[in-house]
Protein backbone atom coordinates (compact mmCIF):
# COMPACT_ATOMS: atom_id res chain seq x y z
CA MET A 1 114.01 64.00 95.29
CA SER A 2 113.93 61.52 92.43
CA MET A 3 115.10 62.99 89.15
CA GLY A 4 114.28 60.16 86.72
CA PRO A 5 111.71 60.55 83.92
CA GLN A 6 108.09 59.78 84.70
CA ASN A 7 105.99 57.22 82.92
CA GLY A 8 103.08 58.42 80.84
CA GLY A 9 102.43 61.66 79.04
CA ASP A 10 101.61 63.91 81.98
CA ARG A 11 102.88 67.46 81.78
CA ASN A 12 104.45 69.42 84.57
CA ARG A 13 105.30 73.02 85.33
CA THR A 14 108.68 74.62 85.86
CA VAL A 15 108.19 77.75 87.94
CA TRP A 16 110.74 80.39 86.95
CA THR A 17 112.09 82.80 89.53
CA PRO A 18 113.67 86.18 88.60
CA GLU A 19 117.09 84.71 89.47
CA MET A 20 116.57 81.86 87.02
CA ASP A 21 115.48 84.23 84.24
CA ARG A 22 118.45 86.52 84.84
CA TYR A 23 120.91 83.63 84.72
CA PHE A 24 119.35 82.08 81.60
CA ILE A 25 119.43 85.44 79.80
CA ASP A 26 123.10 85.87 80.74
CA LEU A 27 123.81 82.40 79.31
CA MET A 28 122.13 83.34 76.03
CA LEU A 29 124.07 86.61 75.85
CA GLU A 30 127.28 84.66 76.40
CA GLN A 31 126.42 82.34 73.51
CA LEU A 32 125.73 85.37 71.33
CA SER A 33 129.14 86.81 72.18
CA LYS A 34 130.71 83.50 71.11
CA GLY A 35 129.04 83.77 67.72
CA ASN A 36 126.69 80.83 68.29
CA ARG A 37 123.75 82.71 66.81
CA PHE A 38 121.61 81.37 63.99
CA ASP A 39 118.03 81.80 62.77
CA ASP A 40 115.29 80.61 65.14
CA PRO A 41 115.62 78.53 67.29
CA LEU A 42 118.69 80.76 67.42
CA PHE A 43 121.26 78.53 69.12
CA SER A 44 123.13 75.44 67.97
CA LYS A 45 122.59 72.04 69.59
CA ARG A 46 125.96 72.40 71.29
CA ALA A 47 124.95 75.78 72.70
CA TRP A 48 121.70 74.38 74.12
CA LYS A 49 123.61 71.49 75.65
CA GLN A 50 126.15 73.82 77.26
CA MET A 51 123.48 76.17 78.61
CA THR A 52 121.40 73.32 80.02
CA SER A 53 124.41 71.81 81.77
CA VAL A 54 125.55 75.10 83.33
CA PHE A 55 121.99 76.07 84.29
CA SER A 56 121.35 72.73 86.00
CA ALA A 57 124.63 72.99 87.91
CA LYS A 58 123.79 76.52 89.03
CA PHE A 59 120.34 75.68 90.41
CA LYS A 60 121.15 72.10 91.50
CA PHE A 61 118.29 70.55 89.56
CA GLN A 62 118.53 68.27 86.53
CA TYR A 63 116.71 70.31 83.90
CA HIS A 64 116.17 69.03 80.36
CA LYS A 65 117.06 71.23 77.39
CA ASP A 66 113.35 71.42 76.48
CA VAL A 67 112.78 73.38 79.70
CA LEU A 68 115.18 76.10 78.52
CA LYS A 69 113.83 76.02 74.98
CA ASN A 70 110.31 76.46 76.31
CA ARG A 71 111.41 79.44 78.42
CA TYR A 72 113.20 80.84 75.37
CA LYS A 73 109.85 80.87 73.52
CA THR A 74 108.12 82.52 76.50
CA LEU A 75 110.71 85.29 76.66
CA ARG A 76 110.50 85.74 72.88
CA SER A 77 106.71 86.21 73.16
CA LEU A 78 107.29 88.74 75.95
CA TYR A 79 109.77 90.66 73.81
CA ARG A 80 107.41 90.71 70.83
CA ALA A 81 104.50 91.91 72.96
CA VAL A 82 106.48 94.77 74.52
CA LYS A 83 108.03 95.75 71.18
CA SER A 84 104.63 95.79 69.50
CA LEU A 85 103.21 98.01 72.24
CA LEU A 86 106.10 100.42 71.86
CA ASP A 87 105.37 100.60 68.13
CA GLN A 88 101.93 102.04 68.97
CA LYS A 89 101.51 105.81 69.07
CA GLY A 90 101.62 107.27 72.59
CA PHE A 91 103.50 104.39 74.22
CA SER A 92 107.08 104.73 75.44
CA TRP A 93 109.64 102.83 77.48
CA ASP A 94 110.35 104.04 81.04
CA GLU A 95 113.96 103.03 81.63
CA MET A 96 113.85 103.83 85.35
CA ARG A 97 110.75 101.75 86.05
CA GLN A 98 111.52 99.19 83.32
CA MET A 99 108.02 99.18 81.91
CA VAL A 100 105.82 100.44 79.06
CA THR A 101 104.12 103.72 79.92
CA ALA A 102 101.45 105.95 78.39
CA ASP A 103 98.85 108.47 79.55
CA ASN A 104 95.79 107.03 81.23
CA THR A 105 93.53 107.98 78.33
CA ILE A 106 95.76 106.18 75.83
CA TRP A 107 95.88 103.03 77.97
CA GLU A 108 92.12 103.02 78.51
CA GLU A 109 91.34 103.43 74.81
CA TYR A 110 93.84 100.79 73.83
CA ILE A 111 92.68 98.24 76.42
CA LYS A 112 89.09 98.64 75.19
CA GLU A 113 90.21 97.24 71.84
CA HIS A 114 92.90 94.93 73.24
CA PRO A 115 91.85 93.72 76.72
CA GLU A 116 94.64 91.13 76.63
CA ALA A 117 97.13 94.02 76.98
CA ARG A 118 95.82 95.05 80.41
CA SER A 119 98.59 93.33 82.37
CA TYR A 120 101.27 95.32 80.52
CA ARG A 121 100.00 98.51 82.09
CA ILE A 122 101.71 97.49 85.35
CA LYS A 123 104.17 94.84 84.16
CA THR A 124 107.89 95.44 84.67
CA VAL A 125 110.38 93.81 82.33
CA PRO A 126 113.78 94.41 83.97
CA TYR A 127 115.67 92.58 81.21
CA TYR A 128 113.92 94.04 78.16
CA ASN A 129 117.10 95.67 76.81
CA ASP A 130 118.82 92.27 76.91
CA LEU A 131 115.86 90.67 75.16
CA CYS A 132 116.29 93.23 72.38
CA LEU A 133 119.86 91.99 71.87
CA ILE A 134 118.75 88.35 71.85
CA TYR A 135 115.58 88.57 69.75
CA GLY A 136 115.91 91.89 67.94
CA ASN A 137 117.36 90.63 64.68
CA LYS A 138 116.09 90.98 61.15
CA ALA A 139 115.27 87.31 60.71
CA SER A 140 113.21 87.24 63.89
CA GLU A 141 111.36 90.46 63.04
CA GLN A 142 110.56 89.18 59.55
CA LYS A 143 108.93 86.15 61.13
CA ASP A 144 106.94 88.49 63.36
CA GLU A 145 105.57 90.22 60.27
CA GLN A 146 104.57 86.90 58.70
CA VAL A 147 102.46 85.61 61.59
CA GLY A 148 99.75 88.28 61.23
CA GLY A 149 98.08 89.90 64.21
CA LYS A 150 101.42 89.65 66.03
CA LEU A 151 100.47 91.91 68.94
CA LEU A 152 97.27 90.04 69.74
CA GLU A 153 99.02 86.70 69.37
CA SER A 154 101.93 87.65 71.62
CA LEU A 155 99.75 89.16 74.31
CA GLN A 156 97.39 86.19 74.37
CA LEU A 157 100.31 83.79 74.57
CA GLN A 158 101.80 85.76 77.44
CA GLU A 159 98.48 85.61 79.30
CA LYS A 160 98.54 81.82 79.04
CA GLU A 161 102.20 81.45 79.98
CA LYS A 162 102.33 83.91 82.87
CA ASP A 163 105.14 82.99 85.28
CA ALA A 164 105.22 79.23 84.67
CA ASP A 165 106.26 77.21 81.64
CA THR A 166 104.71 73.84 80.87
CA THR A 167 107.02 71.08 79.67
CA HIS A 168 107.37 67.32 79.82
CA PRO A 169 108.39 66.34 83.37
CA ARG A 170 111.85 65.13 84.25
CA SER A 171 111.35 64.38 87.93
CA ALA A 172 109.20 61.79 89.68
CA SER A 173 106.68 61.92 92.54
CA GLU A 174 105.79 65.57 92.22
CA GLY A 175 103.75 66.83 95.19
CA GLU A 176 100.43 68.61 95.24
CA ALA A 177 100.28 72.42 95.26
CA GLU A 178 98.47 74.83 97.55
CA ASP A 179 98.56 78.60 97.88
CA ARG A 180 98.87 79.95 101.39
CA ASP A 181 99.22 83.63 102.32
CA GLU A 182 100.74 84.69 99.01
CA ILE A 183 103.36 81.94 99.22
CA ARG A 184 103.17 79.50 96.34
CA VAL A 185 103.84 75.81 96.84
CA ASP A 186 105.04 74.92 93.35
CA GLU A 187 104.74 71.62 91.55
CA ASP A 188 108.48 70.99 91.87
CA ASN A 189 107.95 70.73 95.65
CA SER A 190 109.23 74.18 96.54
CA VAL A 191 107.85 77.39 97.95
CA SER A 192 108.55 80.69 96.21
CA MET A 193 107.46 84.26 96.79
CA SER A 194 104.68 85.27 94.44
CA LYS A 195 105.58 87.82 91.75
CA GLY A 196 103.48 90.75 90.69
CA ASP A 197 101.55 90.81 93.98
CA VAL A 198 98.46 92.97 94.36
CA ASP A 199 97.69 95.03 97.48
CA ASP A 200 94.30 96.66 98.11
CA THR A 201 94.50 100.00 99.89
CA LEU A 202 93.51 103.65 99.81
CA GLN A 203 95.78 105.44 97.42
CA VAL A 204 96.40 108.08 94.77
CA ILE A 205 97.73 106.67 91.50
CA SER A 206 99.79 108.83 89.20
CA ASN A 207 100.46 108.03 85.57
CA GLY A 208 102.25 110.76 83.67
CA ALA A 209 100.66 114.16 84.17
CA GLU A 210 97.31 112.70 85.17
CA SER A 211 96.31 111.42 88.62
CA ILE A 212 93.37 109.30 89.72
CA VAL A 213 92.04 109.52 93.27
CA ALA A 214 90.17 106.40 94.40
CA ASN A 215 88.55 105.38 97.67
CA ARG A 216 90.05 101.92 97.30
CA SER A 217 92.34 100.81 94.55
CA ARG A 218 94.95 98.22 93.76
CA THR A 219 98.71 98.54 93.86
CA TYR A 220 100.56 96.07 91.66
CA TRP A 221 103.92 95.25 93.22
CA GLN A 222 106.76 94.11 91.02
CA PRO A 223 110.14 92.70 92.17
CA PRO A 224 112.08 95.98 91.65
CA MET A 225 109.54 97.82 93.83
CA ASP A 226 109.81 95.24 96.61
CA ARG A 227 113.61 95.24 96.43
CA TYR A 228 113.77 99.03 96.76
CA PHE A 229 111.22 99.13 99.60
CA ILE A 230 113.12 96.44 101.52
CA ASP A 231 116.36 98.39 101.08
CA LEU A 232 114.63 101.49 102.44
CA MET A 233 113.46 99.57 105.51
CA LEU A 234 116.94 98.13 106.11
CA GLU A 235 118.35 101.64 105.96
CA GLN A 236 115.84 102.84 108.55
CA VAL A 237 116.66 99.89 110.81
CA GLN A 238 120.35 100.78 110.61
CA LYS A 239 119.49 104.37 111.56
CA GLY A 240 117.68 103.13 114.67
CA ASN A 241 114.28 104.32 113.45
CA ARG A 242 112.52 101.04 114.28
CA ILE A 243 111.49 100.68 117.91
CA ASP A 244 109.86 97.51 119.28
CA GLY A 245 109.26 96.28 115.75
CA VAL A 246 107.55 99.49 114.65
CA PHE A 247 108.93 102.18 112.34
CA ARG A 248 108.70 105.76 113.56
CA LYS A 249 106.43 108.19 111.71
CA GLU A 250 109.48 110.09 110.46
CA ALA A 251 110.82 106.86 108.96
CA TRP A 252 107.61 106.26 106.99
CA ILE A 253 107.64 109.84 105.67
CA GLU A 254 111.25 109.50 104.56
CA MET A 255 110.64 106.11 102.93
CA ILE A 256 107.54 107.16 100.98
CA GLY A 257 109.36 110.24 99.73
CA SER A 258 112.27 108.17 98.43
CA PHE A 259 109.96 105.50 97.00
CA ASN A 260 107.83 108.00 95.06
CA ALA A 261 110.92 109.77 93.75
CA LYS A 262 112.40 106.47 92.58
CA PHE A 263 109.34 105.20 90.69
CA GLY A 264 107.58 108.44 89.80
CA PHE A 265 104.49 107.72 91.92
CA LYS A 266 102.41 109.91 94.24
CA TYR A 267 101.55 107.26 96.81
CA ASP A 268 100.73 107.99 100.42
CA ILE A 269 102.23 106.25 103.45
CA GLU A 270 99.41 103.67 103.64
CA ILE A 271 100.70 102.07 100.43
CA LEU A 272 104.01 101.17 102.08
CA LYS A 273 102.38 100.20 105.38
CA ASN A 274 100.06 97.83 103.55
CA ARG A 275 102.99 96.26 101.70
CA TYR A 276 104.91 95.99 104.97
CA LYS A 277 102.08 93.86 106.39
CA THR A 278 102.07 91.67 103.28
CA LEU A 279 105.83 91.08 103.46
CA ARG A 280 105.60 90.35 107.19
CA ARG A 281 102.91 87.76 106.45
CA GLN A 282 105.11 86.14 103.84
CA TYR A 283 108.04 86.07 106.24
CA ASN A 284 105.97 84.41 108.95
CA VAL A 285 104.74 81.69 106.57
CA ILE A 286 108.26 80.89 105.38
CA LYS A 287 109.70 80.99 108.90
CA ASN A 288 106.99 78.60 110.13
CA LEU A 289 107.78 76.20 107.30
CA LEU A 290 111.51 76.29 108.04
CA ASP A 291 110.78 75.54 111.71
CA LEU A 292 109.31 72.19 110.63
CA ASN A 293 111.43 69.07 110.21
CA GLY A 294 112.51 68.39 106.65
CA PHE A 295 112.16 71.91 105.22
CA VAL A 296 115.25 73.90 104.21
CA TRP A 297 116.01 77.15 102.42
CA ASP A 298 117.55 76.83 98.94
CA GLU A 299 119.71 79.94 98.58
CA ALA A 300 120.36 79.44 94.86
CA ARG A 301 116.66 79.20 93.94
CA GLN A 302 115.45 81.48 96.75
CA MET A 303 112.75 79.09 97.94
CA VAL A 304 111.79 76.55 100.56
CA THR A 305 112.49 72.94 99.53
CA ALA A 306 111.84 69.48 100.99
CA ASP A 307 111.70 65.83 99.95
CA ASP A 308 108.57 64.58 98.22
CA TYR A 309 107.20 62.67 101.19
CA VAL A 310 107.63 65.71 103.46
CA TRP A 311 105.62 67.90 101.09
CA GLN A 312 102.94 65.26 100.62
CA ASP A 313 102.43 64.88 104.36
CA TYR A 314 102.35 68.66 104.82
CA VAL A 315 99.85 69.23 102.00
CA LYS A 316 97.58 66.52 103.42
CA VAL A 317 97.47 68.44 106.71
CA LEU A 318 96.64 71.68 104.84
CA ILE A 319 93.82 70.04 102.92
CA GLN A 320 92.31 68.56 106.07
CA ALA A 321 92.57 71.83 108.00
């Protein structure tokens, strides 16, 4: 894949995976430990240069320092939004589930006035404590106070940024993008698992002491939930409780019990069965891609990759189908 700068002023997207975020945060924490901390933009030019070099070597892609600086701003907005929510009466941090929690009535009243905060009702932030170390300084908080309407601003910015940062491109001949079966073909010619997936199913949702029973509702799946569910399934496979590709009833009962205990839910078995089907669908899509010539699995970035011309030919087939 060509890595030279493009002509023109087009903008491109860098799609960040959880592994990339975790590594970038660790790099920033390392710079903090070295004493390379200043007022915003926080790090010295040398620090940014070092982080960009190490990050590019880790993920085998020639990133520009502006890509990391842009992600730095996104994570700072995330920190400010979560911190501002936690400053509101009735909201608290659930360390086990790594998310902001409150009673249903508090969420509903708050979202009426701040609809942009809706996503934080189910959003996990597994590195929030680290973000507090990076951004939780007096100088940064004073700037928060000066902007005015900081909660609304941070939440709205987060809604725009979502899981992808926009920056000036550094690679040429970027392919087209198509979504297929919850697998995202990103603009850097790679396929990654979607984050924060939504499953529709019959369920009982529990939030604090209050429960809501719905005929059909939505379950928002975050990476820690998927990771734990997959570990539960692996454990059942090792126990021999999967016969002809199907888990025994006892296995489902055991898994839902452990899953609910871990995350404080009151889900029924259908929640996990529905997610099982979603993950199986994702597996089949990725496996089918890897069976084609030119597609390989990038272990470092946890995604399917291929040369530009391979992606372009494949996307053309998808569009014509």
